[in-house]
Amino acid sequence: MAQPHLLVVEDDELVQSLMGAYLRRDGFDVSLAMTGKEMLAAIDSEPIDLVLLDLNLPDEDGLSLARQVRARSSLPIIVITARREKSYRIAALEIGADDYLTKPFDPDELVLRVRNLVGRTNAGDGTAPLQETHRFSGWEICIDSRTVRNPDGEIVAFTRAEFNLLAALAKAPNRVLSRTYLLDAVSHDSDSPTERLIDVLISRIRKKIEPNPRSPQYVVTVVGCGYKFSPTID
């Protein structure tokens, strides 16, 4: 039986090593990352069930990374940091982090928090993680496998940036999302993302999923505000 796969994102080698050892001792499968770039690459390349995220990373602030992950998926996040200020805790939870643990921490408490969160996000049998899937008009977007199937059941190819943007839209049906918000979904898919990039990606997505890309039914422009995902959800 496959064990939950955890991603520990921590730039302190000693702390990272200790966390990995504690979690592996308790039966978890653990991958390690020291930077935000390594973290996002791991999430894109392998199935991860939960992220343990330090806020102080060398290349990007952890709160920004948590916001990017939450824009793309419902992947559980536990923030682990030396920052004890209430403002950081509130900011992390507002962004969508599921839990917040300050250093130094008790290893047993860490394992307990991980087990509790994994348990809440597992399927009814308590073993297999829920698959986050969005269906509309015969289409299927599977967040976990990063695949899009058309009404004939065929997989339609999407670039990473296109998929991340479509996933962000599908996770918030009938909500107007600003270009600034959507940039979080693709910020690591381009060296210097701009709002113009969002418009280009939207155009590409429409050509792949819309019956008539010139008169879109699914990804609708809200003039002066952004875009809205407006299909009938199955």
Protein backbone atom coordinates (compact mmCIF):
# COMPACT_ATOMS: atom_id res chain seq x y z
CA MET A 1 0.00 0.00 0.00
CA ALA A 2 1.46 3.36 -1.05
CA GLN A 3 2.24 5.73 1.80
CA PRO A 4 1.36 9.43 1.62
CA HIS A 5 4.02 11.35 -0.28
CA LEU A 6 5.23 14.48 1.53
CA LEU A 7 7.34 17.32 0.19
CA VAL A 8 9.53 19.08 2.77
CA VAL A 9 10.57 22.56 1.60
CA GLU A 10 13.32 23.82 3.92
CA ASP A 11 16.66 25.52 3.15
CA ASP A 12 18.34 24.65 6.45
CA GLU A 13 20.05 21.34 5.70
CA LEU A 14 20.03 20.16 9.32
CA VAL A 15 16.36 20.97 9.88
CA GLN A 16 15.47 19.45 6.51
CA SER A 17 17.38 16.27 7.32
CA LEU A 18 15.76 15.93 10.75
CA MET A 19 12.24 16.50 9.40
CA GLY A 20 12.80 13.96 6.66
CA ALA A 21 14.10 11.40 9.18
CA TYR A 22 11.17 11.89 11.58
CA LEU A 23 8.59 11.58 8.82
CA ARG A 24 10.21 8.58 7.13
CA ARG A 25 10.46 6.86 10.52
CA ASP A 26 6.71 7.20 10.78
CA GLY A 27 6.18 5.55 7.39
CA PHE A 28 5.81 8.51 5.04
CA ASP A 29 7.40 8.77 1.62
CA VAL A 30 9.39 12.04 1.69
CA SER A 31 10.89 14.27 -1.00
CA LEU A 32 13.05 17.29 -0.20
CA ALA A 33 13.42 20.77 -1.70
CA MET A 34 15.54 23.72 -0.63
CA THR A 35 14.12 26.47 -2.86
CA GLY A 36 10.81 27.58 -4.28
CA LYS A 37 11.98 26.59 -7.75
CA GLU A 38 12.73 23.04 -6.58
CA MET A 39 9.39 22.90 -4.78
CA LEU A 40 7.31 23.84 -7.84
CA ALA A 41 9.31 21.49 -10.05
CA ALA A 42 8.61 18.61 -7.64
CA ILE A 43 4.89 19.40 -7.51
CA ASP A 44 4.74 19.48 -11.31
CA SER A 45 6.70 16.25 -11.80
CA GLU A 46 5.44 13.83 -9.15
CA PRO A 47 2.29 13.16 -7.11
CA ILE A 48 2.54 15.00 -3.79
CA ASP A 49 -0.04 14.55 -1.02
CA LEU A 50 1.09 17.33 1.32
CA VAL A 51 3.68 20.14 1.45
CA LEU A 52 5.54 21.24 4.58
CA LEU A 53 6.68 24.74 3.69
CA ASP A 54 9.22 27.01 5.37
CA LEU A 55 8.56 30.73 4.85
CA ASN A 56 12.21 31.85 4.66
CA LEU A 57 13.61 30.48 1.42
CA PRO A 58 16.57 31.84 -0.55
CA ASP A 59 14.76 32.54 -3.81
CA GLU A 60 11.17 33.42 -2.86
CA ASP A 61 9.02 34.14 0.15
CA GLY A 62 7.03 31.14 1.35
CA LEU A 63 3.78 33.09 1.52
CA SER A 64 4.07 33.89 -2.18
CA LEU A 65 4.74 30.22 -2.92
CA ALA A 66 1.75 29.12 -0.86
CA ARG A 67 -0.44 31.54 -2.79
CA GLN A 68 0.83 30.16 -6.11
CA VAL A 69 0.15 26.57 -5.05
CA ARG A 70 -3.32 27.45 -3.84
CA ALA A 71 -4.08 29.18 -7.15
CA ARG A 72 -3.33 25.90 -8.92
CA SER A 73 -4.66 23.19 -6.62
CA SER A 74 -6.05 22.16 -3.24
CA LEU A 75 -2.79 20.48 -2.22
CA PRO A 76 -2.60 20.55 1.61
CA ILE A 77 0.03 22.91 3.01
CA ILE A 78 1.52 23.07 6.51
CA VAL A 79 3.60 26.19 7.04
CA ILE A 80 6.58 25.56 9.34
CA THR A 81 8.51 28.67 10.29
CA ALA A 82 10.42 30.55 12.95
CA ARG A 83 8.11 33.52 12.38
CA ARG A 84 5.92 33.75 15.49
CA GLU A 85 4.12 37.01 14.76
CA LYS A 86 0.34 36.71 14.62
CA SER A 87 0.30 38.63 11.34
CA TYR A 88 2.26 35.90 9.55
CA ARG A 89 -0.01 33.17 10.88
CA ILE A 90 -3.11 35.06 9.76
CA ALA A 91 -1.58 35.82 6.35
CA ALA A 92 -0.68 32.16 5.80
CA LEU A 93 -4.16 30.95 6.74
CA GLU A 94 -5.84 33.62 4.62
CA ILE A 95 -3.81 32.55 1.60
CA GLY A 96 -5.02 28.99 2.11
CA ALA A 97 -2.45 27.19 4.24
CA ASP A 98 -4.11 24.36 6.17
CA ASP A 99 -1.94 24.55 9.30
CA TYR A 100 0.85 26.64 10.85
CA LEU A 101 3.61 25.30 13.09
CA THR A 102 6.39 27.41 14.63
CA LYS A 103 10.01 26.37 15.22
CA PRO A 104 11.30 24.81 17.33
CA PHE A 105 8.62 22.13 17.26
CA ASP A 106 8.07 18.76 18.85
CA PRO A 107 8.67 16.00 16.25
CA ASP A 108 5.72 14.00 17.57
CA GLU A 109 3.46 17.03 17.16
CA LEU A 110 4.70 17.47 13.60
CA VAL A 111 3.87 13.86 12.73
CA LEU A 112 0.47 14.14 14.41
CA ARG A 113 -0.43 17.29 12.48
CA VAL A 114 0.65 15.67 9.21
CA ARG A 115 -1.36 12.51 9.92
CA ASN A 116 -4.45 14.52 10.88
CA LEU A 117 -4.30 16.63 7.73
CA VAL A 118 -3.62 13.68 5.44
CA GLY A 119 -6.52 11.84 7.10
CA ARG A 120 -8.92 14.74 6.45
CA THR A 121 -8.00 14.86 2.77
CA ASN A 122 -8.11 11.12 2.10
CA ALA A 123 -10.99 9.27 0.52
CA GLY A 124 -13.60 7.44 2.52
CA ASP A 125 -11.51 4.26 2.75
CA GLY A 126 -8.78 6.21 4.51
CA THR A 127 -6.05 5.10 2.13
CA ALA A 128 -6.26 6.70 -1.32
CA PRO A 129 -6.07 10.47 -1.73
CA LEU A 130 -9.07 12.16 -3.28
CA GLN A 131 -8.58 12.99 -6.94
CA GLU A 132 -9.39 16.63 -7.62
CA THR A 133 -11.35 16.56 -10.88
CA HIS A 134 -13.49 19.21 -12.56
CA ARG A 135 -16.02 18.20 -15.24
CA PHE A 136 -18.01 20.40 -17.59
CA SER A 137 -19.82 19.83 -20.88
CA GLY A 138 -18.17 16.42 -21.28
CA TRP A 139 -14.68 17.78 -20.55
CA GLU A 140 -12.62 16.56 -17.60
CA ILE A 141 -9.76 18.38 -15.88
CA CYS A 142 -7.80 16.19 -13.45
CA ILE A 143 -5.61 18.35 -11.23
CA ASP A 144 -3.63 15.46 -9.74
CA SER A 145 -2.60 13.85 -13.04
CA ARG A 146 -2.48 17.23 -14.82
CA THR A 147 -4.55 15.93 -17.72
CA VAL A 148 -7.44 17.34 -19.74
CA ARG A 149 -9.80 15.01 -21.60
CA ASN A 150 -12.27 16.12 -24.26
CA PRO A 151 -15.86 14.77 -24.51
CA ASP A 152 -14.54 11.84 -26.60
CA GLY A 153 -12.25 10.81 -23.74
CA GLU A 154 -9.09 11.84 -25.57
CA ILE A 155 -6.28 13.64 -23.74
CA VAL A 156 -5.73 17.14 -25.09
CA ALA A 157 -2.17 18.46 -24.81
CA PHE A 158 -1.66 21.57 -22.67
CA THR A 159 1.58 23.34 -21.85
CA ARG A 160 2.37 23.69 -18.16
CA ALA A 161 1.39 27.36 -18.15
CA GLU A 162 -1.86 26.68 -20.01
CA PHE A 163 -2.80 23.89 -17.64
CA ASN A 164 -1.96 25.92 -14.52
CA LEU A 165 -4.11 28.80 -15.75
CA LEU A 166 -7.03 26.54 -16.71
CA ALA A 167 -6.83 24.81 -13.32
CA ALA A 168 -6.96 28.15 -11.50
CA LEU A 169 -10.08 29.10 -13.46
CA ALA A 170 -11.76 25.73 -12.97
CA LYS A 171 -11.22 25.88 -9.22
CA ALA A 172 -13.25 29.10 -9.03
CA PRO A 173 -16.24 28.64 -11.36
CA ASN A 174 -18.41 31.72 -11.97
CA ARG A 175 -15.98 33.97 -10.09
CA VAL A 176 -14.30 36.87 -11.83
CA LEU A 177 -10.52 36.43 -11.50
CA SER A 178 -8.26 39.38 -12.18
CA ARG A 179 -5.21 39.09 -14.38
CA THR A 180 -3.09 39.86 -11.33
CA TYR A 181 -4.61 36.89 -9.47
CA LEU A 182 -4.11 34.61 -12.47
CA LEU A 183 -0.46 35.62 -12.71
CA ASP A 184 0.10 33.69 -9.47
CA ALA A 185 -0.92 30.52 -11.29
CA VAL A 186 1.74 30.93 -13.98
CA SER A 187 4.40 33.08 -12.34
CA HIS A 188 7.01 30.29 -12.46
CA ASP A 189 6.15 29.32 -16.02
CA SER A 190 7.74 32.49 -17.39
CA ASP A 191 10.85 34.45 -16.49
CA SER A 192 8.96 37.74 -16.46
CA PRO A 193 5.21 37.10 -16.51
CA THR A 194 2.99 40.02 -17.45
CA GLU A 195 -0.75 40.56 -17.68
CA ARG A 196 -0.36 40.30 -21.46
CA LEU A 197 0.84 36.71 -20.97
CA ILE A 198 -2.52 35.86 -19.36
CA ASP A 199 -4.38 37.14 -22.42
CA VAL A 200 -2.18 35.05 -24.72
CA LEU A 201 -2.69 31.90 -22.64
CA ILE A 202 -6.45 32.48 -22.48
CA SER A 203 -6.51 32.67 -26.27
CA ARG A 204 -4.64 29.36 -26.54
CA ILE A 205 -6.94 27.67 -24.02
CA ARG A 206 -10.03 28.84 -25.87
CA LYS A 207 -8.74 27.36 -29.13
CA LYS A 208 -8.46 23.99 -27.38
CA ILE A 209 -11.72 23.79 -25.42
CA GLU A 210 -14.24 26.24 -26.88
CA PRO A 211 -16.73 25.13 -29.58
CA ASN A 212 -16.23 28.60 -31.11
CA PRO A 213 -13.12 30.38 -29.75
CA ARG A 214 -14.30 33.69 -31.21
CA SER A 215 -17.49 33.49 -29.17
CA PRO A 216 -16.33 31.76 -25.97
CA GLN A 217 -18.83 30.00 -23.72
CA TYR A 218 -16.48 28.63 -21.07
CA VAL A 219 -13.74 31.21 -20.45
CA VAL A 220 -15.51 34.56 -20.60
CA THR A 221 -13.90 38.01 -20.60
CA VAL A 222 -15.23 40.43 -18.01
CA VAL A 223 -14.22 43.80 -19.44
CA GLY A 224 -12.06 45.84 -17.10
CA CYS A 225 -11.91 43.04 -14.50
CA GLY A 226 -10.46 39.79 -15.84
CA TYR A 227 -11.84 36.39 -16.76
CA LYS A 228 -14.57 34.06 -15.53
CA PHE A 229 -14.95 30.30 -15.96
CA SER A 230 -18.64 29.93 -16.79
CA PRO A 231 -19.50 26.43 -18.05
CA THR A 232 -22.23 24.29 -16.59
CA ILE A 233 -20.35 22.12 -14.09
CA ASP A 234 -21.23 18.43 -14.34
